[in-house]
Protein backbone atom coordinates (compact mmCIF):
# COMPACT_ATOMS: atom_id res chain seq x y z
CA MET A 1 -98.61 -8.54 6.75
CA SER A 2 -94.88 -8.29 6.34
CA PRO A 3 -92.75 -11.42 6.81
CA ASP A 4 -91.41 -9.95 10.05
CA GLU A 5 -94.89 -10.08 11.58
CA HIS A 6 -95.01 -13.88 11.09
CA SER A 7 -91.50 -14.54 12.47
CA GLU A 8 -91.04 -15.71 16.03
CA PRO A 9 -89.62 -13.25 18.52
CA GLY A 10 -85.91 -13.66 19.14
CA PRO A 11 -84.27 -13.94 22.51
CA SER A 12 -84.26 -10.82 24.66
CA PRO A 13 -81.15 -8.65 24.41
CA GLY A 14 -78.30 -10.00 26.55
CA ARG A 15 -79.89 -13.41 27.03
CA ARG A 16 -78.20 -16.42 25.50
CA ARG A 17 -80.31 -19.38 24.48
CA ARG A 18 -78.87 -22.71 25.65
CA PRO A 19 -77.70 -25.05 22.84
CA ARG A 20 -80.27 -27.54 21.61
CA TYR A 21 -79.60 -31.27 21.73
CA PRO A 22 -81.23 -34.02 19.63
CA GLY A 23 -83.97 -36.20 21.08
CA THR A 24 -85.89 -35.84 24.32
CA HIS A 25 -82.97 -36.46 26.71
CA PRO A 26 -79.40 -35.13 26.47
CA LYS A 27 -76.84 -37.88 25.82
CA ARG A 28 -73.63 -35.91 25.45
CA PHE A 29 -71.77 -34.79 28.58
CA GLU A 30 -71.75 -31.13 27.60
CA HIS A 31 -75.52 -31.13 26.88
CA ARG A 32 -76.53 -32.19 30.41
CA TYR A 33 -76.89 -28.65 31.61
CA LYS A 34 -79.31 -29.50 34.42
CA GLU A 35 -76.84 -31.98 35.92
CA LEU A 36 -73.87 -29.67 35.38
CA GLU A 37 -75.66 -26.73 37.06
CA PRO A 38 -77.07 -28.24 40.28
CA ASP A 39 -77.57 -24.80 41.87
CA LYS A 40 -80.07 -23.91 39.16
CA HIS A 41 -81.75 -27.34 39.04
CA PRO A 42 -81.59 -28.72 42.61
CA ASP A 43 -84.13 -31.51 42.11
CA MET A 44 -82.31 -33.08 39.16
CA HIS A 45 -79.53 -34.68 41.19
CA ASP A 46 -81.99 -36.35 43.57
CA HIS A 47 -83.99 -37.62 40.59
CA ILE A 48 -80.92 -39.14 38.93
CA ARG A 49 -79.57 -40.66 42.17
CA ALA A 50 -82.96 -42.31 42.78
CA GLN A 51 -82.45 -44.11 39.46
CA GLY A 52 -79.10 -45.52 40.61
CA ARG A 53 -77.10 -43.18 38.38
CA THR A 54 -74.46 -40.54 39.04
CA PRO A 55 -75.22 -37.00 37.81
CA ALA A 56 -72.77 -35.72 35.18
CA GLY A 57 -69.90 -33.72 36.59
CA THR A 58 -70.25 -35.14 40.10
CA HIS A 59 -69.03 -38.12 42.07
CA VAL A 60 -70.71 -40.26 44.74
CA PRO A 61 -68.19 -41.30 47.40
CA VAL A 62 -68.10 -45.07 47.98
CA LEU A 63 -68.18 -46.78 51.37
CA LEU A 64 -68.53 -43.37 53.00
CA ASP A 65 -70.01 -44.56 56.32
CA GLU A 66 -67.56 -47.47 56.49
CA VAL A 67 -64.58 -45.18 55.92
CA MET A 68 -65.71 -42.81 58.70
CA THR A 69 -66.24 -45.73 61.10
CA ALA A 70 -62.92 -47.41 60.31
CA LEU A 71 -60.78 -44.26 60.41
CA ALA A 72 -62.68 -42.57 63.22
CA PRO A 73 -61.78 -38.91 62.52
CA GLN A 74 -62.15 -36.68 65.60
CA PRO A 75 -62.28 -32.92 66.23
CA GLY A 76 -58.78 -31.47 66.01
CA ASP A 77 -57.38 -34.22 63.76
CA VAL A 78 -55.15 -33.53 60.77
CA VAL A 79 -56.49 -35.65 57.87
CA VAL A 80 -54.86 -36.28 54.50
CA ASP A 81 -57.20 -37.20 51.63
CA CYS A 82 -54.70 -38.51 49.09
CA THR A 83 -57.22 -38.53 46.21
CA VAL A 84 -59.51 -35.63 46.99
CA GLY A 85 -61.36 -35.72 43.64
CA TYR A 86 -64.84 -34.25 43.92
CA GLY A 87 -64.39 -33.90 47.68
CA GLY A 88 -67.11 -36.27 48.90
CA HIS A 89 -64.95 -38.06 51.46
CA ALA A 90 -63.08 -34.82 52.20
CA GLU A 91 -66.31 -33.01 53.11
CA ALA A 92 -67.32 -35.84 55.45
CA PHE A 93 -63.90 -35.72 57.13
CA LEU A 94 -64.14 -31.95 57.57
CA ARG A 95 -67.50 -32.16 59.28
CA ARG A 96 -65.99 -34.55 61.83
CA ILE A 97 -62.65 -32.86 62.53
CA THR A 98 -63.83 -29.28 62.95
CA PRO A 99 -63.50 -27.23 65.01
CA GLY A 100 -59.75 -27.33 65.33
CA GLY A 101 -58.97 -29.93 62.67
CA ARG A 102 -57.32 -29.59 59.29
CA LEU A 103 -57.75 -31.30 55.93
CA ILE A 104 -54.89 -31.68 53.49
CA GLY A 105 -55.95 -32.88 50.06
CA LEU A 106 -53.81 -34.22 47.19
CA ASP A 107 -54.82 -34.81 43.58
CA LEU A 108 -53.15 -35.08 40.20
CA ASP A 109 -56.06 -33.48 38.31
CA GLY A 110 -55.31 -29.78 38.68
CA GLU A 111 -58.43 -28.56 36.91
CA GLN A 112 -60.72 -30.63 39.12
CA LEU A 113 -58.74 -29.74 42.23
CA ALA A 114 -59.48 -26.02 41.77
CA ARG A 115 -63.18 -26.74 41.33
CA THR A 116 -63.28 -28.94 44.41
CA GLY A 117 -61.54 -26.29 46.43
CA GLN A 118 -64.17 -23.76 45.49
CA ARG A 119 -66.97 -26.22 46.20
CA LEU A 120 -65.59 -27.05 49.68
CA ALA A 121 -65.10 -23.37 50.45
CA ASP A 122 -68.71 -22.59 49.46
CA SER A 123 -70.16 -25.61 51.26
CA LEU A 124 -68.30 -25.27 54.55
CA GLY A 125 -67.63 -21.55 54.65
CA GLU A 126 -63.91 -22.19 55.03
CA PRO A 127 -61.12 -20.61 52.94
CA VAL A 128 -59.08 -23.01 50.84
CA ALA A 129 -55.36 -22.66 50.17
CA LEU A 130 -54.30 -24.19 46.81
CA VAL A 131 -50.68 -25.27 46.34
CA LEU A 132 -49.70 -25.61 42.68
CA PRO A 133 -46.64 -27.44 41.33
CA GLY A 134 -43.51 -25.46 42.26
CA ASP A 135 -45.30 -23.53 45.01
CA VAL A 136 -44.09 -23.58 48.59
CA PRO A 137 -47.00 -23.62 51.05
CA SER A 138 -47.24 -20.64 53.36
CA ARG A 139 -46.89 -21.41 57.07
CA GLY A 140 -49.03 -18.57 58.23
CA GLN A 141 -50.50 -18.47 61.73
CA PRO A 142 -52.90 -20.15 62.13
CA PRO A 143 -52.58 -22.63 59.19
CA PRO A 144 -55.61 -22.93 56.89
CA THR A 145 -58.29 -25.49 57.69
CA ILE A 146 -58.18 -26.78 54.09
CA ARG A 147 -55.04 -26.93 51.97
CA LEU A 148 -55.09 -28.69 48.60
CA TYR A 149 -51.94 -29.78 46.77
CA HIS A 150 -51.71 -30.47 43.05
CA ARG A 151 -49.47 -33.46 43.83
CA HIS A 152 -49.27 -37.21 43.47
CA PHE A 153 -49.98 -39.10 46.70
CA GLY A 154 -46.56 -40.74 46.40
CA SER A 155 -45.17 -37.41 47.65
CA ILE A 156 -46.96 -37.63 51.00
CA GLY A 157 -43.68 -37.64 52.92
CA ARG A 158 -42.62 -34.40 51.21
CA VAL A 159 -45.98 -32.84 52.00
CA LEU A 160 -45.54 -33.75 55.67
CA GLY A 161 -42.22 -31.87 55.70
CA GLU A 162 -43.69 -28.86 53.92
CA GLU A 163 -46.54 -28.72 56.45
CA GLY A 164 -43.95 -28.64 59.27
CA ILE A 165 -45.86 -31.01 61.56
CA SER A 166 -44.89 -34.26 63.29
CA GLY A 167 -47.44 -36.47 61.58
CA PHE A 168 -50.99 -37.01 60.40
CA ASP A 169 -53.89 -38.49 62.37
CA VAL A 170 -55.66 -39.99 59.36
CA VAL A 171 -54.44 -40.84 55.86
CA PHE A 172 -56.98 -42.00 53.30
CA ALA A 173 -56.74 -42.94 49.61
CA ASP A 174 -59.56 -43.87 47.18
CA LEU A 175 -57.80 -45.50 44.22
CA GLY A 176 -60.83 -45.42 41.95
CA LEU A 177 -61.39 -43.12 39.01
CA SER A 178 -63.72 -40.19 39.73
CA SER A 179 -67.05 -40.02 37.95
CA MET A 180 -66.18 -36.57 36.59
CA GLN A 181 -63.25 -38.09 34.73
CA ILE A 182 -65.27 -41.07 33.54
CA ASP A 183 -68.18 -39.00 32.24
CA ASP A 184 -66.16 -36.40 30.30
CA PRO A 185 -65.50 -37.81 26.77
CA ALA A 186 -62.57 -35.43 26.24
CA ARG A 187 -60.61 -37.28 28.97
CA GLY A 188 -60.82 -40.62 27.13
CA PHE A 189 -61.34 -42.76 30.23
CA SER A 190 -64.65 -44.34 29.24
CA PHE A 191 -66.09 -46.46 26.47
CA LYS A 192 -69.56 -44.95 26.94
CA HIS A 193 -68.93 -41.93 24.69
CA ASP A 194 -66.51 -41.52 21.82
CA GLY A 195 -63.46 -39.43 22.57
CA PRO A 196 -59.68 -39.35 22.22
CA LEU A 197 -57.79 -42.19 23.89
CA ASP A 198 -56.00 -39.99 26.40
CA MET A 199 -56.63 -41.30 29.95
CA ARG A 200 -54.04 -39.04 31.64
CA MET A 201 -55.08 -37.91 35.09
CA ASP A 202 -52.35 -35.29 34.86
CA VAL A 203 -51.94 -33.76 31.42
CA ARG A 204 -48.25 -33.23 32.12
CA ARG A 205 -47.65 -36.97 31.67
CA PRO A 206 -45.86 -37.64 28.39
CA HIS A 207 -47.81 -40.62 26.99
CA THR A 208 -51.52 -41.16 26.30
CA ALA A 209 -53.35 -44.42 26.04
CA ALA A 210 -53.20 -44.14 22.25
CA ASP A 211 -49.41 -43.82 22.49
CA LEU A 212 -49.19 -47.03 24.51
CA LEU A 213 -51.50 -48.93 22.15
CA ALA A 214 -49.20 -47.89 19.29
CA SER A 215 -46.01 -49.08 20.95
CA LEU A 216 -46.56 -52.01 23.34
CA ASP A 217 -45.82 -55.53 22.06
CA VAL A 218 -48.35 -58.35 22.35
CA GLN A 219 -46.78 -59.96 25.41
CA THR A 220 -46.48 -56.73 27.40
CA LEU A 221 -50.02 -55.65 26.56
CA ALA A 222 -51.51 -59.09 27.39
CA ALA A 223 -49.62 -59.18 30.69
CA ALA A 224 -50.97 -55.73 31.61
CA LEU A 225 -54.54 -56.78 30.86
CA ARG A 226 -54.15 -59.85 33.06
CA THR A 227 -52.33 -58.36 36.01
CA LEU A 228 -53.94 -54.91 36.12
CA ALA A 229 -57.52 -55.82 35.32
CA ASP A 230 -57.98 -59.62 35.61
CA GLU A 231 -59.02 -59.73 31.95
CA PRO A 232 -59.66 -63.39 30.92
CA ALA A 233 -59.41 -62.60 27.20
CA ALA A 234 -56.10 -60.74 27.54
CA ASP A 235 -54.19 -62.66 24.87
CA ALA A 236 -56.94 -62.37 22.25
CA ILE A 237 -57.44 -58.65 22.87
CA ALA A 238 -53.70 -57.91 22.77
CA ARG A 239 -53.20 -59.84 19.52
CA LEU A 240 -56.09 -58.07 17.78
CA ILE A 241 -54.91 -54.61 18.91
CA VAL A 242 -51.40 -55.17 17.62
CA ASN A 243 -52.72 -56.68 14.36
CA ARG A 244 -55.20 -53.85 13.76
CA ARG A 245 -52.83 -51.00 14.54
CA GLY A 246 -50.67 -52.15 11.65
CA ARG A 247 -53.41 -50.98 9.34
CA GLN A 248 -54.56 -47.89 11.18
CA PRO A 249 -53.65 -46.21 14.53
CA ILE A 250 -56.14 -46.76 17.34
CA THR A 251 -56.85 -43.30 18.69
CA ARG A 252 -60.54 -43.23 19.79
CA THR A 253 -62.37 -44.84 22.69
CA ARG A 254 -65.09 -46.31 20.43
CA GLU A 255 -62.44 -47.92 18.19
CA LEU A 256 -60.89 -49.67 21.17
CA MET A 257 -64.27 -50.76 22.54
CA ARG A 258 -65.22 -52.33 19.17
CA LEU A 259 -61.91 -54.19 19.08
CA VAL A 260 -62.55 -55.67 22.53
CA PHE A 261 -66.02 -56.85 21.44
CA GLU A 262 -64.51 -58.39 18.31
CA ALA A 263 -61.78 -60.16 20.29
CA LYS A 264 -64.40 -61.61 22.63
CA GLY A 265 -66.54 -62.80 19.75
CA ILE A 266 -69.70 -60.90 20.66
CA SER A 267 -71.49 -57.90 19.20
CA MET A 268 -72.70 -54.83 21.02
CA ARG A 269 -76.26 -55.83 20.20
CA GLN A 270 -75.77 -59.28 21.71
CA TRP A 271 -74.38 -57.67 24.87
CA ARG A 272 -77.34 -55.26 25.20
CA GLU A 273 -79.93 -58.01 24.56
CA ARG A 274 -78.33 -60.82 26.62
CA PRO A 275 -81.09 -62.78 28.41
CA GLU A 276 -79.25 -62.95 31.75
CA ARG A 277 -78.73 -59.17 31.91
CA ARG A 278 -78.40 -57.83 35.48
CA PRO A 279 -77.94 -54.27 36.78
CA GLY A 280 -74.30 -53.52 37.40
CA ASP A 281 -72.90 -56.17 35.03
CA LEU A 282 -69.32 -55.39 34.04
CA HIS A 283 -69.07 -54.09 30.48
CA PRO A 284 -66.90 -56.27 28.21
CA ALA A 285 -64.46 -53.37 27.61
CA ALA A 286 -64.24 -52.21 31.24
CA ARG A 287 -61.19 -54.28 32.20
CA THR A 288 -59.24 -53.22 29.08
CA PHE A 289 -59.89 -49.54 29.78
CA GLN A 290 -58.96 -50.03 33.42
CA ALA A 291 -55.62 -51.67 32.60
CA LEU A 292 -54.71 -48.94 30.12
CA ARG A 293 -55.57 -46.19 32.59
CA ILE A 294 -53.36 -47.76 35.26
CA LEU A 295 -50.50 -48.10 32.76
CA VAL A 296 -50.81 -44.50 31.48
CA ASN A 297 -50.72 -43.06 34.98
CA ASP A 298 -48.23 -45.55 36.44
CA GLU A 299 -50.67 -46.05 39.28
CA LEU A 300 -49.17 -49.14 40.90
CA SER A 301 -45.76 -47.50 41.27
CA GLY A 302 -47.42 -44.54 43.00
CA LEU A 303 -49.40 -46.86 45.24
CA GLU A 304 -46.26 -48.68 46.34
CA GLN A 305 -44.62 -45.33 47.20
CA LEU A 306 -47.63 -44.39 49.30
CA LEU A 307 -47.71 -47.76 51.12
CA ARG A 308 -43.98 -47.49 51.98
CA GLN A 309 -44.22 -43.95 53.41
CA VAL A 310 -47.51 -43.88 55.28
CA PRO A 311 -46.42 -45.71 58.49
CA TYR A 312 -43.75 -43.07 59.03
CA CYS A 313 -46.20 -40.20 58.41
CA LEU A 314 -48.74 -41.21 61.08
CA ARG A 315 -48.85 -39.97 64.63
CA SER A 316 -49.37 -42.36 67.52
CA GLY A 317 -52.91 -43.62 67.23
CA GLY A 318 -53.09 -42.64 63.56
CA ARG A 319 -55.13 -44.62 61.06
CA PHE A 320 -54.69 -45.40 57.38
CA GLY A 321 -57.39 -46.51 54.95
CA VAL A 322 -57.36 -47.47 51.26
CA ILE A 323 -60.20 -48.21 48.87
CA SER A 324 -59.11 -50.27 45.88
CA PHE A 325 -61.04 -51.57 42.88
CA HIS A 326 -59.25 -54.66 41.57
CA SER A 327 -57.24 -57.57 42.90
CA GLY A 328 -53.86 -56.19 41.79
CA GLU A 329 -54.30 -53.13 43.97
CA ASP A 330 -55.98 -54.93 46.86
CA ASP A 331 -53.29 -57.62 47.02
CA ARG A 332 -50.60 -54.97 47.30
CA VAL A 333 -52.49 -53.08 50.00
CA ALA A 334 -53.21 -56.22 52.04
CA ALA A 335 -49.58 -57.39 51.82
CA ALA A 336 -48.20 -53.99 52.80
CA LEU A 337 -50.49 -53.62 55.81
CA GLU A 338 -49.75 -57.10 57.09
CA SER A 339 -46.02 -56.64 56.54
CA GLY A 340 -46.23 -53.38 58.46
CA ARG A 341 -48.04 -55.12 61.34
CA GLN A 342 -45.41 -57.84 61.53
CA ALA A 343 -42.65 -55.23 61.52
CA GLY A 344 -44.34 -53.32 64.36
CA LEU A 345 -45.20 -50.31 62.22
CA TYR A 346 -48.93 -50.93 62.67
CA GLU A 347 -50.51 -52.16 65.89
CA SER A 348 -53.54 -53.59 64.10
CA VAL A 349 -54.91 -54.14 60.61
CA CYS A 350 -58.37 -55.16 59.44
CA GLU A 351 -58.82 -58.94 59.26
CA HIS A 352 -61.03 -58.81 56.19
CA SER A 353 -61.72 -56.26 53.48
CA ILE A 354 -64.89 -54.17 53.75
CA THR A 355 -67.13 -54.13 50.68
CA PRO A 356 -70.35 -52.27 49.76
CA GLY A 357 -73.68 -53.79 50.72
CA PRO A 358 -76.44 -54.47 48.22
CA THR A 359 -78.21 -51.17 48.94
CA GLU A 360 -75.14 -49.13 48.04
CA VAL A 361 -74.41 -51.17 44.93
CA THR A 362 -78.00 -50.69 43.74
CA SER A 363 -77.91 -46.91 44.32
CA ASN A 364 -74.36 -46.52 43.01
CA PRO A 365 -73.36 -49.34 40.64
CA ARG A 366 -69.86 -47.89 40.30
CA SER A 367 -69.18 -48.98 43.88
CA ARG A 368 -69.63 -52.68 43.12
CA SER A 369 -65.93 -53.62 43.07
CA ALA A 370 -64.81 -51.28 45.88
CA CYS A 371 -62.78 -52.80 48.72
CA LEU A 372 -61.69 -50.97 51.91
CA ARG A 373 -58.75 -51.98 54.11
CA TRP A 374 -57.36 -50.13 57.13
CA ALA A 375 -54.51 -50.17 59.64
CA ALA A 376 -53.82 -48.36 62.92
CA VAL A 377 -50.67 -47.14 64.65
CA GLY A 378 -50.64 -47.56 68.44
CA CYS A 379 -53.46 -46.13 70.55
CA ARG A 380 -54.76 -42.64 71.08
CA LEU A 381 -53.91 -41.23 74.49
């Protein structure tokens, strides 16, 4: 027999074989083809969610039922989702405000915004109008049910003017990072996989996390770790970062993670094998990555802009809700809502924050630090 008779048949013409990955389970984001193609593998997402994990390339909305109860969207309402992300909360709003209602979504991540727009259009059978930076939204008759802006939520007042309406019925913001951003190593948000220390939600921003680590002094960096992430080892981490960058720039997520472990005096093996290990335990590097992300994207400045403008963007009876994920954000939200109530801008505010129950935390560990607060303007007639 000729050698060709012993060789295995190649792929059929026109058919591309998927890339192979090492081991029995894909570990890299780009190798998780079954999670990234849910239409072709519909059972995979349910299987992963049953394990308390989030499928790659998706996001599980936190406190979904609580948000819908607190903000009470009704048919005909105009709702603004300030952080539309994967569209989980947005889709729930749409199902409650149609027929007759409208959803306006804002997000800094232009690439994800386009994908979410297509997903919402396919899911709900509604056309989606996308407004890119520099665009002026069309005021056609009737206006689209879904309009998505590639904008920061601090521009909500400008969006209201561009929409040409008197106010919104519901304004909602989820300040957390989306799972799609966390899971993609190329974005540099997570310590789970090695990647460039970028962390920009909008690639138009001038400075990456690596840039900040190369320039911030010890005092500024330590203060950021304390105030933006409640990091108890802030001083030790800041000193080690500044000392180490003098020898070599810190440009990769794994490099930063290892520095945090070193500053805390523990090894990755000790962390993995700790006897008191519990599901949902906060990773030693999580707070450092959170603080850097907030710095890179100037998130607190944007939040303060949103909190100042929202009372003047709501119609009578309108409601405002915010989900935050650390005390620095929550303290600002609570103070702004109470100040608004005392000034007569809000008729009522929630007395206590709303947090996930044990069932949600078990099924979605990323929800563990979520905290919802709401306020209402007047009463619906």
